[in-house]
Structures are given as C-alpha cells and as structure tokens.
Amino acid sequence: MEWLKTAPEAQEHELEHFQSNHEGAIIDQIHNAMGQSDGIIINPGAYSHTSYAIRDAITSVGIPTMEVHLSDIHNREEFRRVSVISPVCVGQVSGLGKMSYLEGLKKLQKSMRD
C-alpha cells in the first residue's frame, strides 16, 4: 500500500495500512481508529458478505468508511453480490483492481467535504 501514500490525493493525509485475515483483529483496528482517524478505507474481502461484527464496529465508531474490493463483486457469484458492510459505509468501490483503493480514497474525501 506504499504506492497509495505517494498518490497526489494522499498528500494531505497520513495514511496507515493494516491487514489481517482475522475478524477480531479487524474489529480491534476499527475500534482503535476512534478518535485517531478521520476516515477508514476497508477491503473486508469475504467478510463483506458475512460479518455483522465488522458492520457493528464500523457503526459504533462513527467514522466515515469506504468499502473497497479489487474485483467487481456485483458480477461474481450470487452470494458475493450482497455486502452486509455496505449499508453502513459512505460508499463502495469495486472492480478496479488495486486502483479501487485510490478511487475509494477520492470518494471518501468527497463524502467528507459534502
């Protein structure tokens, strides 16, 4: 994710990267962001279809959150088309590969200005 820190859109922000395959660690990181972060960009992967715990964590911290996916989840298997995370996020970007993160940052910035 170092490449994202060099994008012009990121220059006015301090970006922090966190990755885990463990739901509890992701929830802890979201909770730790409270009072520390102005926004969250999250790629919940398969948890987007199943994790009400991550959804609740996002809701509880009250930080604008953008959901991103490398693949286009809306054109994949039926079970991957529904995100339980999306309704509590300010938006969703998918299908742009790693550029989903950059587009997610742009949309998150816009949502925070509006």
PDB file of N, CA and C in Angstrom:
ATOM      1  N   MET A   1       0.811  -1.204   0.000  1.00  0.00           N
ATOM      2  CA  MET A   1       0.000   0.000   0.000  1.00  0.00           C
ATOM      3  C   MET A   1       0.853   1.265   0.000  1.00  0.00           C
ATOM      4  N   GLU A   2       2.151   1.098  -0.016  1.00  0.00           N
ATOM      5  CA  GLU A   2       3.030   2.271  -0.058  1.00  0.00           C
ATOM      6  C   GLU A   2       2.758   3.125  -1.295  1.00  0.00           C
ATOM      7  N   TRP A   3       2.370   2.490  -2.385  1.00  0.00           N
ATOM      8  CA  TRP A   3       2.100   3.233  -3.621  1.00  0.00           C
ATOM      9  C   TRP A   3       0.979   4.254  -3.411  1.00  0.00           C
ATOM     10  N   LEU A   4      -0.011   3.913  -2.595  1.00  0.00           N
ATOM     11  CA  LEU A   4      -1.143   4.815  -2.372  1.00  0.00           C
ATOM     12  C   LEU A   4      -0.703   6.076  -1.628  1.00  0.00           C
ATOM     13  N   LYS A   5       0.271   5.936  -0.750  1.00  0.00           N
ATOM     14  CA  LYS A   5       0.759   7.085   0.014  1.00  0.00           C
ATOM     15  C   LYS A   5       1.419   8.133  -0.876  1.00  0.00           C
ATOM     16  N   THR A   6       1.859   7.734  -2.066  1.00  0.00           N
ATOM     17  CA  THR A   6       2.518   8.671  -2.977  1.00  0.00           C
ATOM     18  C   THR A   6       1.547   9.327  -3.954  1.00  0.00           C
ATOM     19  N   ALA A   7       0.297   8.904  -3.944  1.00  0.00           N
ATOM     20  CA  ALA A   7      -0.701   9.495  -4.844  1.00  0.00           C
ATOM     21  C   ALA A   7      -0.962  10.943  -4.437  1.00  0.00           C
ATOM     22  N   PRO A   8      -1.180  11.832  -5.409  1.00  0.00           N
ATOM     23  CA  PRO A   8      -1.455  13.241  -5.083  1.00  0.00           C
ATOM     24  C   PRO A   8      -2.611  13.404  -4.090  1.00  0.00           C
ATOM     25  N   GLU A   9      -3.634  12.568  -4.211  1.00  0.00           N
ATOM     26  CA  GLU A   9      -4.799  12.664  -3.327  1.00  0.00           C
ATOM     27  C   GLU A   9      -4.454  12.334  -1.879  1.00  0.00           C
ATOM     28  N   ALA A  10      -3.351  11.634  -1.672  1.00  0.00           N
ATOM     29  CA  ALA A  10      -2.979  11.210  -0.321  1.00  0.00           C
ATOM     30  C   ALA A  10      -2.042  12.185   0.372  1.00  0.00           C
ATOM     31  N   GLN A  11      -1.550  13.162  -0.346  1.00  0.00           N
ATOM     32  CA  GLN A  11      -0.505  14.031   0.202  1.00  0.00           C
ATOM     33  C   GLN A  11      -0.950  14.851   1.400  1.00  0.00           C
ATOM     34  N   GLU A  12      -2.207  15.168   1.490  1.00  0.00           N
ATOM     35  CA  GLU A  12      -2.677  15.969   2.621  1.00  0.00           C
ATOM     36  C   GLU A  12      -3.148  15.099   3.786  1.00  0.00           C
ATOM     37  N   HIS A  13      -2.887  13.800   3.692  1.00  0.00           N
ATOM     38  CA  HIS A  13      -3.346  12.869   4.720  1.00  0.00           C
ATOM     39  C   HIS A  13      -2.204  11.983   5.197  1.00  0.00           C
ATOM     40  N   GLU A  14      -2.331  11.492   6.389  1.00  0.00           N
ATOM     41  CA  GLU A  14      -1.413  10.481   6.903  1.00  0.00           C
ATOM     42  C   GLU A  14      -2.137   9.143   6.805  1.00  0.00           C
ATOM     43  N   LEU A  15      -1.683   8.289   5.899  1.00  0.00           N
ATOM     44  CA  LEU A  15      -2.337   7.003   5.691  1.00  0.00           C
ATOM     45  C   LEU A  15      -1.653   5.929   6.519  1.00  0.00           C
ATOM     46  N   GLU A  16      -2.464   5.078   7.093  1.00  0.00           N
ATOM     47  CA  GLU A  16      -1.965   3.940   7.863  1.00  0.00           C
ATOM     48  C   GLU A  16      -2.538   2.674   7.244  1.00  0.00           C
ATOM     49  N   HIS A  17      -1.707   1.668   7.060  1.00  0.00           N
ATOM     50  CA  HIS A  17      -2.136   0.413   6.453  1.00  0.00           C
ATOM     51  C   HIS A  17      -2.208  -0.675   7.517  1.00  0.00           C
ATOM     52  N   PHE A  18      -3.253  -1.463   7.465  1.00  0.00           N
ATOM     53  CA  PHE A  18      -3.408  -2.612   8.356  1.00  0.00           C
ATOM     54  C   PHE A  18      -4.026  -3.735   7.555  1.00  0.00           C
ATOM     55  N   GLN A  19      -3.505  -4.944   7.709  1.00  0.00           N
ATOM     56  CA  GLN A  19      -4.060  -6.112   7.024  1.00  0.00           C
ATOM     57  C   GLN A  19      -4.112  -7.268   8.001  1.00  0.00           C
ATOM     58  N   SER A  20      -5.230  -7.966   8.005  1.00  0.00           N
ATOM     59  CA  SER A  20      -5.357  -9.163   8.819  1.00  0.00           C
ATOM     60  C   SER A  20      -6.394 -10.081   8.198  1.00  0.00           C
ATOM     61  N   ASN A  21      -6.200 -11.359   8.399  1.00  0.00           N
ATOM     62  CA  ASN A  21      -7.186 -12.355   7.982  1.00  0.00           C
ATOM     63  C   ASN A  21      -8.085 -12.748   9.151  1.00  0.00           C
ATOM     64  N   HIS A  22      -7.934 -12.066  10.276  1.00  0.00           N
ATOM     65  CA  HIS A  22      -8.669 -12.420  11.482  1.00  0.00           C
ATOM     66  C   HIS A  22      -9.711 -11.353  11.806  1.00  0.00           C
ATOM     67  N   GLU A  23     -10.952 -11.777  11.841  1.00  0.00           N
ATOM     68  CA  GLU A  23     -12.061 -10.854  12.045  1.00  0.00           C
ATOM     69  C   GLU A  23     -11.897 -10.024  13.319  1.00  0.00           C
ATOM     70  N   GLY A  24     -11.500 -10.655  14.405  1.00  0.00           N
ATOM     71  CA  GLY A  24     -11.339  -9.930  15.665  1.00  0.00           C
ATOM     72  C   GLY A  24     -10.281  -8.851  15.590  1.00  0.00           C
ATOM     73  N   ALA A  25      -9.189  -9.127  14.885  1.00  0.00           N
ATOM     74  CA  ALA A  25      -8.122  -8.129  14.728  1.00  0.00           C
ATOM     75  C   ALA A  25      -8.616  -6.939  13.909  1.00  0.00           C
ATOM     76  N   ILE A  26      -9.435  -7.209  12.907  1.00  0.00           N
ATOM     77  CA  ILE A  26     -10.005  -6.132  12.082  1.00  0.00           C
ATOM     78  C   ILE A  26     -10.929  -5.264  12.943  1.00  0.00           C
ATOM     79  N   ILE A  27     -11.746  -5.910  13.743  1.00  0.00           N
ATOM     80  CA  ILE A  27     -12.652  -5.177  14.632  1.00  0.00           C
ATOM     81  C   ILE A  27     -11.859  -4.331  15.626  1.00  0.00           C
ATOM     82  N   ASP A  28     -10.816  -4.906  16.197  1.00  0.00           N
ATOM     83  CA  ASP A  28      -9.970  -4.146  17.125  1.00  0.00           C
ATOM     84  C   ASP A  28      -9.367  -2.919  16.447  1.00  0.00           C
ATOM     85  N   GLN A  29      -8.909  -3.075  15.210  1.00  0.00           N
ATOM     86  CA  GLN A  29      -8.305  -1.958  14.478  1.00  0.00           C
ATOM     87  C   GLN A  29      -9.334  -0.858  14.214  1.00  0.00           C
ATOM     88  N   ILE A  30     -10.551  -1.256  13.872  1.00  0.00           N
ATOM     89  CA  ILE A  30     -11.619  -0.268  13.660  1.00  0.00           C
ATOM     90  C   ILE A  30     -11.878   0.490  14.962  1.00  0.00           C
ATOM     91  N   HIS A  31     -11.987  -0.227  16.063  1.00  0.00           N
ATOM     92  CA  HIS A  31     -12.218   0.432  17.359  1.00  0.00           C
ATOM     93  C   HIS A  31     -11.057   1.346  17.735  1.00  0.00           C
ATOM     94  N   ASN A  32      -9.836   0.924  17.440  1.00  0.00           N
ATOM     95  CA  ASN A  32      -8.659   1.741  17.747  1.00  0.00           C
ATOM     96  C   ASN A  32      -8.612   3.027  16.923  1.00  0.00           C
ATOM     97  N   ALA A  33      -9.331   3.055  15.805  1.00  0.00           N
ATOM     98  CA  ALA A  33      -9.350   4.244  14.948  1.00  0.00           C
ATOM     99  C   ALA A  33     -10.179   5.380  15.547  1.00  0.00           C
ATOM    100  N   MET A  34     -11.049   5.048  16.483  1.00  0.00           N
ATOM    101  CA  MET A  34     -11.915   6.072  17.075  1.00  0.00           C
ATOM    102  C   MET A  34     -11.065   7.127  17.782  1.00  0.00           C
ATOM    103  N   GLY A  35     -11.280   8.372  17.413  1.00  0.00           N
ATOM    104  CA  GLY A  35     -10.529   9.474  17.979  1.00  0.00           C
ATOM    105  C   GLY A  35      -9.145   9.653  17.377  1.00  0.00           C
ATOM    106  N   GLN A  36      -8.761   8.758  16.475  1.00  0.00           N
ATOM    107  CA  GLN A  36      -7.440   8.800  15.853  1.00  0.00           C
ATOM    108  C   GLN A  36      -7.500   9.049  14.347  1.00  0.00           C
ATOM    109  N   SER A  37      -8.599   8.636  13.719  1.00  0.00           N
ATOM    110  CA  SER A  37      -8.701   8.679  12.255  1.00  0.00           C
ATOM    111  C   SER A  37      -9.925   9.465  11.828  1.00  0.00           C
ATOM    112  N   ASP A  38      -9.781  10.154  10.707  1.00  0.00           N
ATOM    113  CA  ASP A  38     -10.908  10.895  10.141  1.00  0.00           C
ATOM    114  C   ASP A  38     -11.724  10.046   9.184  1.00  0.00           C
ATOM    115  N   GLY A  39     -11.135   8.980   8.664  1.00  0.00           N
ATOM    116  CA  GLY A  39     -11.818   8.120   7.715  1.00  0.00           C
ATOM    117  C   GLY A  39     -11.171   6.752   7.671  1.00  0.00           C
ATOM    118  N   ILE A  40     -11.937   5.780   7.171  1.00  0.00           N
ATOM    119  CA  ILE A  40     -11.458   4.405   7.027  1.00  0.00           C
ATOM    120  C   ILE A  40     -11.763   3.937   5.616  1.00  0.00           C
ATOM    121  N   ILE A  41     -10.780   3.293   5.004  1.00  0.00           N
ATOM    122  CA  ILE A  41     -10.995   2.565   3.753  1.00  0.00           C
ATOM    123  C   ILE A  41     -10.804   1.103   4.108  1.00  0.00           C
ATOM    124  N   ILE A  42     -11.815   0.294   3.861  1.00  0.00           N
ATOM    125  CA  ILE A  42     -11.747  -1.113   4.248  1.00  0.00           C
ATOM    126  C   ILE A  42     -12.047  -2.020   3.065  1.00  0.00           C
ATOM    127  N   ASN A  43     -11.213  -3.032   2.914  1.00  0.00           N
ATOM    128  CA  ASN A  43     -11.488  -4.124   1.986  1.00  0.00           C
ATOM    129  C   ASN A  43     -11.776  -5.338   2.862  1.00  0.00           C
ATOM    130  N   PRO A  44     -13.052  -5.584   3.148  1.00  0.00           N
ATOM    131  CA  PRO A  44     -13.378  -6.671   4.060  1.00  0.00           C
ATOM    132  C   PRO A  44     -13.321  -8.056   3.424  1.00  0.00           C
ATOM    133  N   GLY A  45     -13.023  -8.125   2.125  1.00  0.00           N
ATOM    134  CA  GLY A  45     -12.944  -9.423   1.460  1.00  0.00           C
ATOM    135  C   GLY A  45     -14.232 -10.203   1.661  1.00  0.00           C
ATOM    136  N   ALA A  46     -14.092 -11.481   1.944  1.00  0.00           N
ATOM    137  CA  ALA A  46     -15.268 -12.334   2.125  1.00  0.00           C
ATOM    138  C   ALA A  46     -16.089 -11.945   3.350  1.00  0.00           C
ATOM    139  N   TYR A  47     -15.471 -11.239   4.294  1.00  0.00           N
ATOM    140  CA  TYR A  47     -16.237 -10.776   5.459  1.00  0.00           C
ATOM    141  C   TYR A  47     -17.348  -9.811   5.060  1.00  0.00           C
ATOM    142  N   SER A  48     -17.241  -9.204   3.891  1.00  0.00           N
ATOM    143  CA  SER A  48     -18.286  -8.266   3.470  1.00  0.00           C
ATOM    144  C   SER A  48     -19.638  -8.955   3.332  1.00  0.00           C
ATOM    145  N   HIS A  49     -19.630 -10.259   3.128  1.00  0.00           N
ATOM    146  CA  HIS A  49     -20.875 -11.000   2.926  1.00  0.00           C
ATOM    147  C   HIS A  49     -21.418 -11.606   4.215  1.00  0.00           C
ATOM    148  N   THR A  50     -20.594 -11.618   5.268  1.00  0.00           N
ATOM    149  CA  THR A  50     -20.987 -12.375   6.455  1.00  0.00           C
ATOM    150  C   THR A  50     -20.807 -11.659   7.789  1.00  0.00           C
ATOM    151  N   SER A  51     -19.985 -10.630   7.860  1.00  0.00           N
ATOM    152  CA  SER A  51     -19.575 -10.121   9.168  1.00  0.00           C
ATOM    153  C   SER A  51     -20.428  -8.960   9.674  1.00  0.00           C
ATOM    154  N   TYR A  52     -21.425  -9.326  10.434  1.00  0.00           N
ATOM    155  CA  TYR A  52     -22.196  -8.299  11.120  1.00  0.00           C
ATOM    156  C   TYR A  52     -21.378  -7.686  12.249  1.00  0.00           C
ATOM    157  N   ALA A  53     -20.368  -8.403  12.723  1.00  0.00           N
ATOM    158  CA  ALA A  53     -19.495  -7.861  13.771  1.00  0.00           C
ATOM    159  C   ALA A  53     -18.664  -6.693  13.233  1.00  0.00           C
ATOM    160  N   ILE A  54     -18.120  -6.829  12.020  1.00  0.00           N
ATOM    161  CA  ILE A  54     -17.381  -5.716  11.405  1.00  0.00           C
ATOM    162  C   ILE A  54     -18.340  -4.567  11.110  1.00  0.00           C
ATOM    163  N   ARG A  55     -19.510  -4.899  10.627  1.00  0.00           N
ATOM    164  CA  ARG A  55     -20.526  -3.870  10.371  1.00  0.00           C
ATOM    165  C   ARG A  55     -20.826  -3.089  11.650  1.00  0.00           C
ATOM    166  N   ASP A  56     -21.033  -3.800  12.749  1.00  0.00           N
ATOM    167  CA  ASP A  56     -21.332  -3.144  14.023  1.00  0.00           C
ATOM    168  C   ASP A  56     -20.165  -2.282  14.497  1.00  0.00           C
ATOM    169  N   ALA A  57     -18.940  -2.752  14.271  1.00  0.00           N
ATOM    170  CA  ALA A  57     -17.761  -1.967  14.669  1.00  0.00           C
ATOM    171  C   ALA A  57     -17.707  -0.657  13.892  1.00  0.00           C
ATOM    172  N   ILE A  58     -17.959  -0.723  12.595  1.00  0.00           N
ATOM    173  CA  ILE A  58     -17.965   0.489  11.763  1.00  0.00           C
ATOM    174  C   ILE A  58     -19.031   1.459  12.266  1.00  0.00           C
ATOM    175  N   THR A  59     -20.204   0.931  12.550  1.00  0.00           N
ATOM    176  CA  THR A  59     -21.287   1.772  13.059  1.00  0.00           C
ATOM    177  C   THR A  59     -20.912   2.402  14.399  1.00  0.00           C
ATOM    178  N   SER A  60     -20.301   1.621  15.266  1.00  0.00           N
ATOM    179  CA  SER A  60     -20.029   2.104  16.625  1.00  0.00           C
ATOM    180  C   SER A  60     -19.000   3.227  16.682  1.00  0.00           C
ATOM    181  N   VAL A  61     -18.041   3.243  15.756  1.00  0.00           N
ATOM    182  CA  VAL A  61     -17.006   4.286  15.830  1.00  0.00           C
ATOM    183  C   VAL A  61     -17.436   5.598  15.189  1.00  0.00           C
ATOM    184  N   GLY A  62     -18.426   5.553  14.306  1.00  0.00           N
ATOM    185  CA  GLY A  62     -18.920   6.781  13.691  1.00  0.00           C
ATOM    186  C   GLY A  62     -17.930   7.477  12.779  1.00  0.00           C
ATOM    187  N   ILE A  63     -17.004   6.730  12.202  1.00  0.00           N
ATOM    188  CA  ILE A  63     -16.002   7.288  11.289  1.00  0.00           C
ATOM    189  C   ILE A  63     -16.442   6.998   9.859  1.00  0.00           C
ATOM    190  N   PRO A  64     -16.460   8.006   8.978  1.00  0.00           N
ATOM    191  CA  PRO A  64     -16.817   7.737   7.582  1.00  0.00           C
ATOM    192  C   PRO A  64     -15.936   6.615   7.018  1.00  0.00           C
ATOM    193  N   THR A  65     -16.582   5.605   6.450  1.00  0.00           N
ATOM    194  CA  THR A  65     -15.877   4.412   5.977  1.00  0.00           C
ATOM    195  C   THR A  65     -16.258   4.115   4.538  1.00  0.00           C
ATOM    196  N   MET A  66     -15.245   3.830   3.725  1.00  0.00           N
ATOM    197  CA  MET A  66     -15.431   3.461   2.323  1.00  0.00           C
ATOM    198  C   MET A  66     -15.066   1.991   2.166  1.00  0.00           C
ATOM    199  N   GLU A  67     -15.973   1.220   1.596  1.00  0.00           N
ATOM    200  CA  GLU A  67     -15.733  -0.202   1.324  1.00  0.00           C
ATOM    201  C   GLU A  67     -15.131  -0.344  -0.071  1.00  0.00           C
ATOM    202  N   VAL A  68     -14.040  -1.090  -0.186  1.00  0.00           N
ATOM    203  CA  VAL A  68     -13.420  -1.321  -1.492  1.00  0.00           C
ATOM    204  C   VAL A  68     -13.191  -2.816  -1.712  1.00  0.00           C
ATOM    205  N   HIS A  69     -13.221  -3.187  -2.994  1.00  0.00           N
ATOM    206  CA  HIS A  69     -12.932  -4.565  -3.412  1.00  0.00           C
ATOM    207  C   HIS A  69     -12.129  -4.513  -4.700  1.00  0.00           C
ATOM    208  N   LEU A  70     -11.155  -5.387  -4.818  1.00  0.00           N
ATOM    209  CA  LEU A  70     -10.356  -5.453  -6.039  1.00  0.00           C
ATOM    210  C   LEU A  70     -11.197  -5.926  -7.211  1.00  0.00           C
ATOM    211  N   SER A  71     -12.025  -6.951  -6.980  1.00  0.00           N
ATOM    212  CA  SER A  71     -12.866  -7.495  -8.049  1.00  0.00           C
ATOM    213  C   SER A  71     -14.244  -6.837  -8.005  1.00  0.00           C
ATOM    214  N   ASP A  72     -14.985  -7.003  -9.080  1.00  0.00           N
ATOM    215  CA  ASP A  72     -16.347  -6.466  -9.151  1.00  0.00           C
ATOM    216  C   ASP A  72     -17.282  -7.478  -8.504  1.00  0.00           C
ATOM    217  N   ILE A  73     -17.583  -7.275  -7.235  1.00  0.00           N
ATOM    218  CA  ILE A  73     -18.389  -8.258  -6.515  1.00  0.00           C
ATOM    219  C   ILE A  73     -19.807  -8.369  -7.073  1.00  0.00           C
ATOM    220  N   HIS A  74     -20.248  -7.373  -7.805  1.00  0.00           N
ATOM    221  CA  HIS A  74     -21.603  -7.390  -8.355  1.00  0.00           C
ATOM    222  C   HIS A  74     -21.706  -8.246  -9.613  1.00  0.00           C
ATOM    223  N   ASN A  75     -20.579  -8.659 -10.146  1.00  0.00           N
ATOM    224  CA  ASN A  75     -20.557  -9.533 -11.320  1.00  0.00           C
ATOM    225  C   ASN A  75     -19.861 -10.849 -11.009  1.00  0.00           C
ATOM    226  N   ARG A  76     -19.980 -11.288  -9.785  1.00  0.00           N
ATOM    227  CA  ARG A  76     -19.405 -12.564  -9.369  1.00  0.00           C
ATOM    228  C   ARG A  76     -20.532 -13.501  -8.948  1.00  0.00           C
ATOM    229  N   GLU A  77     -20.191 -14.528  -8.212  1.00  0.00           N
ATOM    230  CA  GLU A  77     -21.202 -15.481  -7.766  1.00  0.00           C
ATOM    231  C   GLU A  77     -22.290 -14.752  -6.987  1.00  0.00           C
ATOM    232  N   GLU A  78     -23.483 -15.305  -7.038  1.00  0.00           N
ATOM    233  CA  GLU A  78     -24.645 -14.670  -6.410  1.00  0.00           C
ATOM    234  C   GLU A  78     -24.387 -14.324  -4.940  1.00  0.00           C
ATOM    235  N   PHE A  79     -23.774 -15.236  -4.199  1.00  0.00           N
ATOM    236  CA  PHE A  79     -23.574 -14.994  -2.769  1.00  0.00           C
ATOM    237  C   PHE A  79     -22.589 -13.867  -2.498  1.00  0.00           C
ATOM    238  N   ARG A  80     -21.769 -13.508  -3.485  1.00  0.00           N
ATOM    239  CA  ARG A  80     -20.800 -12.423  -3.295  1.00  0.00           C
ATOM    240  C   ARG A  80     -21.384 -11.046  -3.628  1.00  0.00           C
ATOM    241  N   ARG A  81     -22.580 -11.004  -4.135  1.00  0.00           N
ATOM    242  CA  ARG A  81     -23.160  -9.738  -4.588  1.00  0.00           C
ATOM    243  C   ARG A  81     -23.777  -8.913  -3.472  1.00  0.00           C
ATOM    244  N   VAL A  82     -23.971  -9.522  -2.318  1.00  0.00           N
ATOM    245  CA  VAL A  82     -24.584  -8.821  -1.193  1.00  0.00           C
ATOM    246  C   VAL A  82     -23.512  -8.528  -0.151  1.00  0.00           C
ATOM    247  N   SER A  83     -23.417  -7.276   0.225  1.00  0.00           N
ATOM    248  CA  SER A  83     -22.486  -6.867   1.274  1.00  0.00           C
ATOM    249  C   SER A  83     -23.283  -6.400   2.482  1.00  0.00           C
ATOM    250  N   VAL A  84     -23.008  -7.006   3.630  1.00  0.00           N
ATOM    251  CA  VAL A  84     -23.652  -6.539   4.861  1.00  0.00           C
ATOM    252  C   VAL A  84     -22.926  -5.317   5.416  1.00  0.00           C
ATOM    253  N   ILE A  85     -21.737  -5.048   4.880  1.00  0.00           N
ATOM    254  CA  ILE A  85     -20.931  -3.905   5.310  1.00  0.00           C
ATOM    255  C   ILE A  85     -21.390  -2.616   4.618  1.00  0.00           C
ATOM    256  N   SER A  86     -21.738  -2.731   3.360  1.00  0.00           N
ATOM    257  CA  SER A  86     -22.040  -1.575   2.512  1.00  0.00           C
ATOM    258  C   SER A  86     -23.064  -0.598   3.101  1.00  0.00           C
ATOM    259  N   PRO A  87     -24.154  -1.072   3.699  1.00  0.00           N
ATOM    260  CA  PRO A  87     -25.148  -0.116   4.202  1.00  0.00           C
ATOM    261  C   PRO A  87     -24.642   0.846   5.275  1.00  0.00           C
ATOM    262  N   VAL A  88     -23.552   0.517   5.952  1.00  0.00           N
ATOM    263  CA  VAL A  88     -23.039   1.410   6.997  1.00  0.00           C
ATOM    264  C   VAL A  88     -21.824   2.205   6.526  1.00  0.00           C
ATOM    265  N   CYS A  89     -21.510   2.094   5.242  1.00  0.00           N
ATOM    266  CA  CYS A  89     -20.385   2.829   4.654  1.00  0.00           C
ATOM    267  C   CYS A  89     -20.901   4.014   3.846  1.00  0.00           C
ATOM    268  N   VAL A  90     -20.027   4.987   3.610  1.00  0.00           N
ATOM    269  CA  VAL A  90     -20.405   6.150   2.807  1.00  0.00           C
ATOM    270  C   VAL A  90     -20.385   5.827   1.322  1.00  0.00           C
ATOM    271  N   GLY A  91     -19.843   4.676   0.949  1.00  0.00           N
ATOM    272  CA  GLY A  91     -19.815   4.264  -0.442  1.00  0.00           C
ATOM    273  C   GLY A  91     -19.059   2.967  -0.611  1.00  0.00           C
ATOM    274  N   GLN A  92     -19.043   2.514  -1.869  1.00  0.00           N
ATOM    275  CA  GLN A  92     -18.355   1.272  -2.210  1.00  0.00           C
ATOM    276  C   GLN A  92     -17.717   1.423  -3.581  1.00  0.00           C
ATOM    277  N   VAL A  93     -16.495   0.922  -3.712  1.00  0.00           N
ATOM    278  CA  VAL A  93     -15.788   0.896  -4.992  1.00  0.00           C
ATOM    279  C   VAL A  93     -15.332  -0.534  -5.211  1.00  0.00           C
ATOM    280  N   SER A  94     -15.595  -1.062  -6.405  1.00  0.00           N
ATOM    281  CA  SER A  94     -15.153  -2.425  -6.690  1.00  0.00           C
ATOM    282  C   SER A  94     -14.803  -2.565  -8.159  1.00  0.00           C
ATOM    283  N   GLY A  95     -13.985  -3.586  -8.431  1.00  0.00           N
ATOM    284  CA  GLY A  95     -13.700  -3.949  -9.810  1.00  0.00           C
ATOM    285  C   GLY A  95     -12.576  -3.196 -10.486  1.00  0.00           C
ATOM    286  N   LEU A  96     -11.809  -2.407  -9.752  1.00  0.00           N
ATOM    287  CA  LEU A  96     -10.735  -1.620 -10.364  1.00  0.00           C
ATOM    288  C   LEU A  96      -9.350  -2.141  -9.991  1.00  0.00           C
ATOM    289  N   GLY A  97      -9.283  -3.364  -9.481  1.00  0.00           N
ATOM    290  CA  GLY A  97      -8.003  -3.876  -9.020  1.00  0.00           C
ATOM    291  C   GLY A  97      -7.496  -3.002  -7.887  1.00  0.00           C
ATOM    292  N   LYS A  98      -6.175  -2.846  -7.809  1.00  0.00           N
ATOM    293  CA  LYS A  98      -5.629  -2.038  -6.710  1.00  0.00           C
ATOM    294  C   LYS A  98      -6.063  -0.576  -6.796  1.00  0.00           C
ATOM    295  N   MET A  99      -6.470  -0.135  -7.975  1.00  0.00           N
ATOM    296  CA  MET A  99      -6.931   1.246  -8.114  1.00  0.00           C
ATOM    297  C   MET A  99      -8.251   1.492  -7.376  1.00  0.00           C
ATOM    298  N   SER A 100      -8.909   0.418  -6.942  1.00  0.00           N
ATOM    299  CA  SER A 100     -10.104   0.585  -6.108  1.00  0.00           C
ATOM    300  C   SER A 100      -9.767   1.370  -4.848  1.00  0.00           C
ATOM    301  N   TYR A 101      -8.541   1.193  -4.336  1.00  0.00           N
ATOM    302  CA  TYR A 101      -8.133   1.936  -3.142  1.00  0.00           C
ATOM    303  C   TYR A 101      -8.011   3.432  -3.429  1.00  0.00           C
ATOM    304  N   LEU A 102      -7.427   3.786  -4.565  1.00  0.00           N
ATOM    305  CA  LEU A 102      -7.290   5.202  -4.911  1.00  0.00           C
ATOM    306  C   LEU A 102      -8.656   5.826  -5.155  1.00  0.00           C
ATOM    307  N   GLU A 103      -9.503   5.134  -5.898  1.00  0.00           N
ATOM    308  CA  GLU A 103     -10.847   5.654  -6.148  1.00  0.00           C
ATOM    309  C   GLU A 103     -11.634   5.740  -4.837  1.00  0.00           C
ATOM    310  N   GLY A 104     -11.422   4.765  -3.967  1.00  0.00           N
ATOM    311  CA  GLY A 104     -12.068   4.797  -2.654  1.00  0.00           C
ATOM    312  C   GLY A 104     -11.624   5.994  -1.838  1.00  0.00           C
ATOM    313  N   LEU A 105     -10.328   6.313  -1.899  1.00  0.00           N
ATOM    314  CA  LEU A 105      -9.810   7.492  -1.197  1.00  0.00           C
ATOM    315  C   LEU A 105     -10.457   8.758  -1.743  1.00  0.00           C
ATOM    316  N   LYS A 106     -10.534   8.868  -3.060  1.00  0.00           N
ATOM    317  CA  LYS A 106     -11.153  10.052  -3.673  1.00  0.00           C
ATOM    318  C   LYS A 106     -12.611  10.199  -3.236  1.00  0.00           C
ATOM    319  N   LYS A 107     -13.357   9.100  -3.280  1.00  0.00           N
ATOM    320  CA  LYS A 107     -14.773   9.158  -2.907  1.00  0.00           C
ATOM    321  C   LYS A 107     -14.947   9.431  -1.412  1.00  0.00           C
ATOM    322  N   LEU A 108     -14.058   8.889  -0.607  1.00  0.00           N
ATOM    323  CA  LEU A 108     -14.119   9.160   0.830  1.00  0.00           C
ATOM    324  C   LEU A 108     -13.860  10.637   1.095  1.00  0.00           C
ATOM    325  N   GLN A 109     -12.856  11.195   0.434  1.00  0.00           N
ATOM    326  CA  GLN A 109     -12.564  12.625   0.587  1.00  0.00           C
ATOM    327  C   GLN A 109     -13.770  13.463   0.180  1.00  0.00           C
ATOM    328  N   LYS A 110     -14.377  13.117  -0.945  1.00  0.00           N
ATOM    329  CA  LYS A 110     -15.541  13.871  -1.431  1.00  0.00           C
ATOM    330  C   LYS A 110     -16.693  13.785  -0.431  1.00  0.00           C
ATOM    331  N   SER A 111     -16.945  12.606   0.091  1.00  0.00           N
ATOM    332  CA  SER A 111     -18.057  12.447   1.039  1.00  0.00           C
ATOM    333  C   SER A 111     -17.818  13.247   2.314  1.00  0.00           C
ATOM    334  N   MET A 112     -16.568  13.408   2.691  1.00  0.00           N
ATOM    335  CA  MET A 112     -16.255  14.152   3.908  1.00  0.00           C
ATOM    336  C   MET A 112     -16.335  15.664   3.686  1.00  0.00           C
ATOM    337  N   ARG A 113     -16.198  16.098   2.436  1.00  0.00           N
ATOM    338  CA  ARG A 113     -16.331  17.530   2.111  1.00  0.00           C
ATOM    339  C   ARG A 113     -17.791  17.928   1.949  1.00  0.00           C
ATOM    340  N   ASP A 114     -18.611  17.001   1.461  1.00  0.00           N
ATOM    341  CA  ASP A 114     -20.026  17.305   1.177  1.00  0.00           C
ATOM    342  C   ASP A 114     -20.857  17.431   2.436  1.00  0.00           C
TER     343      ASP A 114
END
